[in-house]
Amino acid sequence: MDTLLPVASGGAAGPLTADELRELYSLMVAVRHLDTSAIAWQRQGIIPGYAPELGQEAAQVGSGYAVDTTRDFVFPTYREMGVARTMGVDMVAYMSTHKATWHGGLYNPLESRLAPIQAVVAGSVLHAVGWAHGQTLAAGSDATTDGGLGVALTYFGDGASSQGDVHEAMNFAAVMKAPVVFFVQNNGWAISVPTERQVAGGSVAARAAGYGMPALQIDGDDVVAVVEATRRAFAHARAGNGPVLIEAMTYRRGPHSTADDPGRYRSLDEERDGAGADPLERLRQRLLADGIADEAFFAEALAAAKAEEEQIRTGIQALGSRPGTEMFDLVFQETTPALQAQAANWREESEHV
């Protein structure tokens, strides 16, 4: 872990227990199996598109594991399925976006503490900072009231870090001391462009110094390191010390999306060399070496993941189209007389179909 600026560690949880390590492994297996299955679903026509996260399970599960869902809020991109699963979001409702049934997901953001899936590159960082600033306004002068502030956790990639929205969000958050953790999954590629060709200096974390913001560059394939770093960042922000940037160094082992062919811009040898050790296998070896788990545990975790995937697939296939009247119920805060008449006509026609 490379700390570019000091990060307050007060309030951060202690070392992970054996039970927590086993839970992290089970979560990573569930995410890995669901992720690879979603690609198959796309090929089978069950869903029209999907953004894989193969190789990023540790970064997503580890960071999502640090969230306090009673007070924090997470702002994802289109590739945070592992975060959603770790937070306990209903995965059929989550995958409804990839089914093209409902934009942003059918889950309730307020209940799950996960904002709607954001397809706009770097768009989620602005929403996160706005919500986080609201926490400081609500707390007033005492940030330690009731155990500290709610913290926003927002995700983006190395490619998205080049967007102007990220600069605006970081600058505002740092100036206003907003309790937000910027979590960068540097997976080496901005679709087909390698990091070194679009991130000046090669490090997103290094930019934080320009905002006077603490930053951590971590091994994003080590789930324990990710949990510990995210907890430290949350403790810093929760205490009213302002934002933190985490850059998790990982690797996108598959395509950018199911519409992408990575063979057009990198060879298999380059992919193998860049990917490094499998994050799931790394944790497995650690559990074995420490005597925390055995082969029976690993087999049970995989069986549970397969059973869960089957239930989710069945649920996704059962999703139908949404009623057209939802446009009037959910889009407009106040409907005009013309829209009310249109909605009434639509409902009447729907009843006779």
Protein backbone atom coordinates (compact mmCIF):
# COMPACT_ATOMS: atom_id res chain seq x y z
CA MET A 1 0.00 0.00 0.00
CA ASP A 2 1.43 3.34 -1.03
CA THR A 3 0.16 6.24 1.08
CA LEU A 4 0.77 9.43 -0.83
CA LEU A 5 -0.66 11.56 2.00
CA PRO A 6 -1.53 10.68 5.62
CA VAL A 7 -4.91 9.05 6.18
CA ALA A 8 -6.53 9.06 9.60
CA SER A 9 -7.06 5.51 10.79
CA GLY A 10 -9.13 6.29 13.88
CA GLY A 11 -12.36 4.32 13.94
CA ALA A 12 -11.26 1.79 11.34
CA ALA A 13 -12.07 -1.83 12.14
CA GLY A 14 -9.40 -4.28 13.27
CA PRO A 15 -7.94 -7.21 11.32
CA LEU A 16 -10.34 -9.43 9.43
CA THR A 17 -11.50 -12.51 11.30
CA ALA A 18 -11.47 -16.05 9.93
CA ASP A 19 -15.24 -15.88 9.44
CA GLU A 20 -14.92 -12.63 7.51
CA LEU A 21 -12.21 -14.07 5.27
CA ARG A 22 -14.37 -17.07 4.46
CA GLU A 23 -17.30 -14.76 3.75
CA LEU A 24 -15.15 -12.70 1.39
CA TYR A 25 -14.16 -15.84 -0.48
CA SER A 26 -17.79 -16.96 -0.79
CA LEU A 27 -18.76 -13.53 -2.10
CA MET A 28 -15.94 -13.54 -4.63
CA VAL A 29 -16.94 -17.00 -5.88
CA ALA A 30 -20.57 -15.88 -6.21
CA VAL A 31 -19.50 -12.77 -8.13
CA ARG A 32 -17.10 -14.67 -10.38
CA HIS A 33 -19.71 -17.29 -11.25
CA LEU A 34 -22.46 -14.73 -11.85
CA ASP A 35 -20.15 -12.58 -13.97
CA THR A 36 -19.08 -15.41 -16.29
CA SER A 37 -22.69 -16.62 -16.45
CA ALA A 38 -23.90 -13.17 -17.51
CA ILE A 39 -21.59 -13.31 -20.50
CA ALA A 40 -23.13 -16.66 -21.43
CA TRP A 41 -26.62 -15.19 -20.99
CA GLN A 42 -25.76 -12.47 -23.47
CA ARG A 43 -24.53 -15.04 -25.99
CA GLN A 44 -27.77 -17.00 -25.46
CA GLY A 45 -29.94 -13.93 -26.01
CA ILE A 46 -31.22 -13.74 -22.44
CA ILE A 47 -29.75 -10.25 -22.00
CA PRO A 48 -28.69 -7.90 -24.82
CA GLY A 49 -25.49 -6.61 -23.24
CA TYR A 50 -23.20 -6.80 -20.24
CA ALA A 51 -19.95 -5.24 -18.95
CA PRO A 52 -17.76 -8.04 -17.50
CA GLU A 53 -15.53 -7.60 -14.47
CA LEU A 54 -13.40 -10.74 -14.62
CA GLY A 55 -10.26 -10.10 -12.57
CA GLN A 56 -11.76 -7.23 -10.57
CA GLU A 57 -13.62 -9.31 -7.98
CA ALA A 58 -11.26 -8.45 -5.12
CA ALA A 59 -11.49 -4.71 -5.80
CA GLN A 60 -15.27 -4.78 -5.90
CA VAL A 61 -16.05 -7.23 -3.13
CA GLY A 62 -13.40 -5.76 -0.83
CA SER A 63 -14.56 -2.17 -1.20
CA GLY A 64 -18.26 -3.03 -1.03
CA TYR A 65 -17.60 -5.05 2.12
CA ALA A 66 -16.46 -1.89 3.93
CA VAL A 67 -19.74 -0.03 3.35
CA ASP A 68 -22.05 0.66 6.29
CA THR A 69 -25.46 0.30 4.63
CA THR A 70 -27.20 1.99 7.55
CA ARG A 71 -25.70 5.38 6.68
CA ASP A 72 -23.37 5.29 3.64
CA PHE A 73 -24.34 5.50 -0.03
CA VAL A 74 -22.63 3.95 -3.06
CA PHE A 75 -22.60 5.46 -6.54
CA PRO A 76 -21.69 2.83 -9.16
CA THR A 77 -20.91 2.77 -12.84
CA TYR A 78 -22.16 0.03 -15.17
CA ARG A 79 -19.50 -2.46 -14.01
CA GLU A 80 -20.10 -2.74 -10.24
CA MET A 81 -22.11 -5.94 -10.13
CA GLY A 82 -19.68 -7.31 -7.53
CA VAL A 83 -20.26 -4.30 -5.29
CA ALA A 84 -24.02 -4.67 -5.59
CA ARG A 85 -23.88 -8.38 -4.77
CA THR A 86 -21.65 -7.72 -1.75
CA MET A 87 -24.10 -5.11 -0.46
CA GLY A 88 -26.98 -7.57 -0.71
CA VAL A 89 -28.82 -5.92 -3.60
CA ASP A 90 -31.45 -8.09 -5.29
CA MET A 91 -29.54 -9.30 -8.34
CA VAL A 92 -32.55 -9.87 -10.56
CA ALA A 93 -33.54 -6.25 -9.96
CA TYR A 94 -29.94 -5.20 -10.59
CA MET A 95 -29.65 -7.16 -13.82
CA SER A 96 -32.87 -5.65 -15.15
CA THR A 97 -30.74 -2.88 -16.62
CA HIS A 98 -28.69 -5.40 -18.59
CA LYS A 99 -31.96 -7.05 -19.64
CA ALA A 100 -32.98 -3.58 -20.91
CA THR A 101 -36.12 -3.87 -18.80
CA TRP A 102 -35.47 -0.75 -16.75
CA HIS A 103 -32.67 1.81 -16.87
CA GLY A 104 -30.68 2.00 -13.65
CA GLY A 105 -32.06 -1.16 -12.05
CA LEU A 106 -35.39 -2.12 -10.49
CA TYR A 107 -34.02 -2.20 -6.94
CA ASN A 108 -34.86 0.56 -4.46
CA PRO A 109 -31.79 2.84 -4.12
CA LEU A 110 -32.88 4.25 -0.76
CA GLU A 111 -33.30 0.82 0.78
CA SER A 112 -30.22 -0.78 -0.78
CA ARG A 113 -27.99 2.32 -0.43
CA LEU A 114 -26.85 1.77 -4.01
CA ALA A 115 -27.62 4.56 -6.46
CA PRO A 116 -29.02 3.62 -9.89
CA ILE A 117 -26.50 2.16 -12.33
CA GLN A 118 -24.76 5.03 -14.13
CA ALA A 119 -23.96 4.54 -17.80
CA VAL A 120 -22.50 8.03 -18.32
CA VAL A 121 -18.72 7.81 -17.99
CA ALA A 122 -17.66 9.58 -14.75
CA GLY A 123 -21.21 10.76 -14.15
CA SER A 124 -21.50 8.99 -10.80
CA VAL A 125 -18.73 11.05 -9.16
CA LEU A 126 -20.75 14.26 -9.36
CA HIS A 127 -23.79 12.63 -7.79
CA ALA A 128 -21.64 11.18 -5.02
CA VAL A 129 -20.08 14.52 -4.12
CA GLY A 130 -23.48 16.21 -4.09
CA TRP A 131 -24.87 13.60 -1.71
CA ALA A 132 -21.74 13.75 0.47
CA HIS A 133 -21.89 17.54 0.70
CA GLY A 134 -25.46 17.13 1.87
CA GLN A 135 -24.16 15.05 4.77
CA THR A 136 -21.90 17.87 5.94
CA LEU A 137 -24.72 20.39 5.65
CA ALA A 138 -27.04 18.15 7.65
CA ALA A 139 -24.43 17.54 10.36
CA GLY A 140 -23.62 21.22 10.77
CA SER A 141 -20.51 22.01 12.79
CA ASP A 142 -20.35 18.64 14.57
CA ALA A 143 -19.25 15.92 12.14
CA THR A 144 -18.91 13.36 14.95
CA THR A 145 -22.60 13.43 15.89
CA ASP A 146 -24.07 9.91 16.10
CA GLY A 147 -20.77 8.25 15.27
CA GLY A 148 -19.76 10.35 12.29
CA LEU A 149 -20.92 11.29 8.83
CA GLY A 150 -22.47 9.11 6.19
CA VAL A 151 -19.88 8.55 3.46
CA ALA A 152 -20.35 8.39 -0.29
CA LEU A 153 -18.34 5.74 -2.15
CA THR A 154 -18.08 6.38 -5.87
CA TYR A 155 -16.50 4.21 -8.55
CA PHE A 156 -14.83 5.00 -11.84
CA GLY A 157 -12.05 3.61 -14.01
CA ASP A 158 -8.68 4.87 -15.17
CA GLY A 159 -10.26 5.90 -18.44
CA ALA A 160 -13.05 7.84 -16.74
CA SER A 161 -10.46 9.66 -14.62
CA SER A 162 -9.59 11.70 -17.70
CA GLN A 163 -13.08 13.23 -17.78
CA GLY A 164 -13.53 16.81 -16.64
CA ASP A 165 -16.33 15.72 -14.30
CA VAL A 166 -13.75 13.96 -12.13
CA HIS A 167 -11.71 17.15 -11.75
CA GLU A 168 -14.80 19.15 -10.83
CA ALA A 169 -15.95 16.53 -8.33
CA MET A 170 -12.57 16.16 -6.63
CA ASN A 171 -11.95 19.88 -6.45
CA PHE A 172 -15.38 20.61 -4.97
CA ALA A 173 -15.13 17.68 -2.52
CA ALA A 174 -11.70 18.77 -1.30
CA VAL A 175 -12.67 22.43 -0.92
CA MET A 176 -15.89 21.59 0.93
CA LYS A 177 -14.42 18.63 2.86
CA ALA A 178 -17.19 16.38 1.59
CA PRO A 179 -17.15 12.84 3.05
CA VAL A 180 -16.59 10.91 -0.16
CA VAL A 181 -14.25 8.10 -1.15
CA PHE A 182 -13.23 8.12 -4.82
CA PHE A 183 -12.52 4.48 -5.73
CA VAL A 184 -10.61 4.08 -8.98
CA GLN A 185 -10.40 0.59 -10.46
CA ASN A 186 -7.33 0.95 -12.63
CA ASN A 187 -7.76 -2.16 -14.75
CA GLY A 188 -5.14 -1.12 -17.29
CA TRP A 189 -7.50 -0.30 -20.12
CA ALA A 190 -9.86 2.49 -21.16
CA ILE A 191 -11.74 0.22 -23.56
CA SER A 192 -8.92 -0.28 -26.11
CA VAL A 193 -6.47 2.35 -24.83
CA PRO A 194 -3.87 1.32 -22.21
CA THR A 195 -3.50 3.43 -19.08
CA GLU A 196 -0.08 4.77 -20.01
CA ARG A 197 -1.53 6.37 -23.16
CA GLN A 198 -4.26 8.35 -21.43
CA VAL A 199 -3.26 8.93 -17.77
CA ALA A 200 -0.43 11.46 -17.57
CA GLY A 201 2.17 10.24 -15.10
CA GLY A 202 0.67 6.76 -15.07
CA SER A 203 -1.08 7.15 -11.72
CA VAL A 204 -4.51 8.50 -10.87
CA ALA A 205 -3.66 8.50 -7.17
CA ALA A 206 -0.83 10.98 -7.74
CA ARG A 207 -3.35 13.59 -8.86
CA ALA A 208 -4.92 13.74 -5.40
CA ALA A 209 -2.01 15.80 -4.08
CA GLY A 210 -3.09 18.65 -6.33
CA TYR A 211 -6.37 18.79 -4.45
CA GLY A 212 -4.77 18.42 -1.02
CA MET A 213 -6.50 15.07 -0.78
CA PRO A 214 -5.12 11.89 0.86
CA ALA A 215 -4.62 9.00 -1.55
CA LEU A 216 -3.90 5.30 -1.38
CA GLN A 217 -2.60 3.20 -4.25
CA ILE A 218 -3.24 -0.44 -3.40
CA ASP A 219 -3.03 -3.95 -4.79
CA GLY A 220 -6.56 -4.26 -6.13
CA ASP A 221 -6.22 -8.03 -6.53
CA ASP A 222 -5.68 -8.54 -2.78
CA VAL A 223 -9.14 -8.45 -1.22
CA VAL A 224 -7.75 -8.04 2.30
CA ALA A 225 -5.71 -5.00 1.26
CA VAL A 226 -8.80 -3.55 -0.42
CA VAL A 227 -11.00 -3.99 2.66
CA GLU A 228 -8.39 -2.46 4.96
CA ALA A 229 -7.71 0.51 2.68
CA THR A 230 -11.41 1.24 2.13
CA ARG A 231 -12.11 1.06 5.86
CA ARG A 232 -9.29 3.51 6.54
CA ALA A 233 -10.62 5.87 3.90
CA PHE A 234 -14.13 5.65 5.32
CA ALA A 235 -12.84 6.41 8.82
CA HIS A 236 -11.02 9.47 7.53
CA ALA A 237 -14.04 10.84 5.67
CA ARG A 238 -16.52 9.91 8.40
CA ALA A 239 -14.59 11.95 10.95
CA GLY A 240 -15.08 15.10 8.89
CA ASN A 241 -11.60 15.20 7.39
CA GLY A 242 -12.78 15.35 3.80
CA PRO A 243 -12.40 13.06 0.76
CA VAL A 244 -9.93 10.26 0.00
CA LEU A 245 -8.84 8.77 -3.32
CA ILE A 246 -8.13 5.04 -3.61
CA GLU A 247 -6.53 3.66 -6.74
CA ALA A 248 -6.89 -0.11 -6.85
CA MET A 249 -4.40 -1.55 -9.33
CA THR A 250 -6.04 -4.51 -11.03
CA TYR A 251 -6.55 -5.87 -14.56
CA ARG A 252 -9.53 -6.34 -16.85
CA ARG A 253 -9.08 -9.93 -17.96
CA GLY A 254 -11.97 -9.92 -20.41
CA PRO A 255 -13.55 -7.50 -22.88
CA HIS A 256 -14.76 -4.02 -22.02
CA SER A 257 -18.27 -5.23 -22.79
CA THR A 258 -19.89 -8.11 -24.62
CA ALA A 259 -19.75 -5.91 -27.74
CA ASP A 260 -15.96 -5.60 -27.48
CA ASP A 261 -13.24 -7.80 -28.99
CA PRO A 262 -10.04 -7.31 -26.95
CA GLY A 263 -8.13 -9.31 -29.54
CA ARG A 264 -8.16 -6.19 -31.71
CA TYR A 265 -5.86 -4.29 -29.37
CA ARG A 266 -3.98 -6.83 -27.22
CA SER A 267 -2.66 -10.35 -27.67
CA LEU A 268 -3.36 -13.30 -25.41
CA ASP A 269 0.25 -13.20 -24.26
CA GLU A 270 -0.09 -9.54 -23.30
CA GLU A 271 -3.28 -10.36 -21.43
CA ARG A 272 -1.66 -13.20 -19.50
CA ASP A 273 1.42 -11.15 -18.64
CA GLY A 274 -0.59 -8.14 -17.52
CA ALA A 275 -3.24 -9.99 -15.54
CA GLY A 276 -0.94 -11.46 -12.90
CA ALA A 277 -2.27 -13.83 -10.24
CA ASP A 278 -5.99 -14.56 -10.15
CA PRO A 279 -7.47 -12.65 -7.15
CA LEU A 280 -9.79 -15.54 -6.31
CA GLU A 281 -6.95 -18.06 -6.34
CA ARG A 282 -4.81 -15.73 -4.22
CA LEU A 283 -7.42 -15.69 -1.47
CA ARG A 284 -7.93 -19.43 -1.76
CA GLN A 285 -4.23 -20.07 -1.22
CA ARG A 286 -4.18 -17.71 1.74
CA LEU A 287 -7.10 -19.49 3.41
CA LEU A 288 -5.41 -22.85 2.88
CA ALA A 289 -2.04 -21.64 4.16
CA ASP A 290 -3.62 -20.17 7.30
CA GLY A 291 -5.75 -23.23 7.94
CA ILE A 292 -8.94 -21.17 7.69
CA ALA A 293 -10.67 -23.26 5.03
CA ASP A 294 -10.46 -26.69 3.42
CA GLU A 295 -11.53 -28.27 0.15
CA ALA A 296 -14.98 -29.04 1.52
CA PHE A 297 -15.53 -25.32 2.18
CA PHE A 298 -14.44 -24.37 -1.34
CA ALA A 299 -16.74 -26.98 -2.88
CA GLU A 300 -19.64 -25.73 -0.78
CA ALA A 301 -18.99 -22.12 -1.80
CA LEU A 302 -18.99 -23.05 -5.49
CA ALA A 303 -22.17 -25.11 -5.15
CA ALA A 304 -23.91 -22.18 -3.46
CA ALA A 305 -22.76 -19.84 -6.24
CA LYS A 306 -24.12 -22.16 -8.92
CA ALA A 307 -27.47 -22.49 -7.16
CA GLU A 308 -27.70 -18.72 -6.78
CA GLU A 309 -26.87 -18.16 -10.44
CA GLU A 310 -29.66 -20.54 -11.48
CA GLN A 311 -32.19 -18.62 -9.38
CA ILE A 312 -31.05 -15.29 -10.81
CA ARG A 313 -31.15 -16.56 -14.40
CA THR A 314 -34.71 -17.84 -13.88
CA GLY A 315 -35.71 -14.48 -12.42
CA ILE A 316 -34.20 -12.54 -15.29
CA GLN A 317 -35.94 -14.68 -17.89
CA ALA A 318 -39.25 -14.03 -16.12
CA LEU A 319 -38.83 -10.24 -16.35
CA GLY A 320 -41.34 -8.74 -18.73
CA SER A 321 -41.55 -5.29 -20.21
CA ARG A 322 -42.47 -2.47 -17.85
CA PRO A 323 -45.93 -0.85 -18.07
CA GLY A 324 -45.85 2.24 -20.26
CA THR A 325 -47.80 4.15 -17.60
CA GLU A 326 -44.71 4.16 -15.38
CA MET A 327 -43.46 7.06 -17.47
CA PHE A 328 -46.20 9.18 -15.91
CA ASP A 329 -45.81 7.72 -12.41
CA LEU A 330 -42.04 7.89 -12.09
CA VAL A 331 -40.70 10.49 -14.54
CA PHE A 332 -42.79 13.58 -13.80
CA GLN A 333 -42.97 15.11 -10.33
CA GLU A 334 -46.11 17.01 -11.34
CA THR A 335 -48.08 16.09 -14.43
CA THR A 336 -49.88 18.64 -16.60
CA PRO A 337 -53.55 18.20 -17.52
CA ALA A 338 -52.48 17.06 -20.98
CA LEU A 339 -50.20 14.39 -19.53
CA GLN A 340 -52.91 13.27 -17.11
CA ALA A 341 -55.30 12.83 -20.03
CA GLN A 342 -52.66 10.93 -21.98
CA ALA A 343 -52.00 8.65 -19.00
CA ALA A 344 -55.71 7.96 -18.58
CA ASN A 345 -56.04 7.05 -22.26
CA TRP A 346 -52.98 4.79 -22.06
CA ARG A 347 -54.36 2.95 -19.04
CA GLU A 348 -57.73 2.53 -20.69
CA GLU A 349 -56.15 1.13 -23.86
CA SER A 350 -53.94 -1.21 -21.83
CA GLU A 351 -56.95 -2.70 -20.07
CA HIS A 352 -58.45 -3.69 -23.42
CA VAL A 353 -55.32 -5.29 -24.82
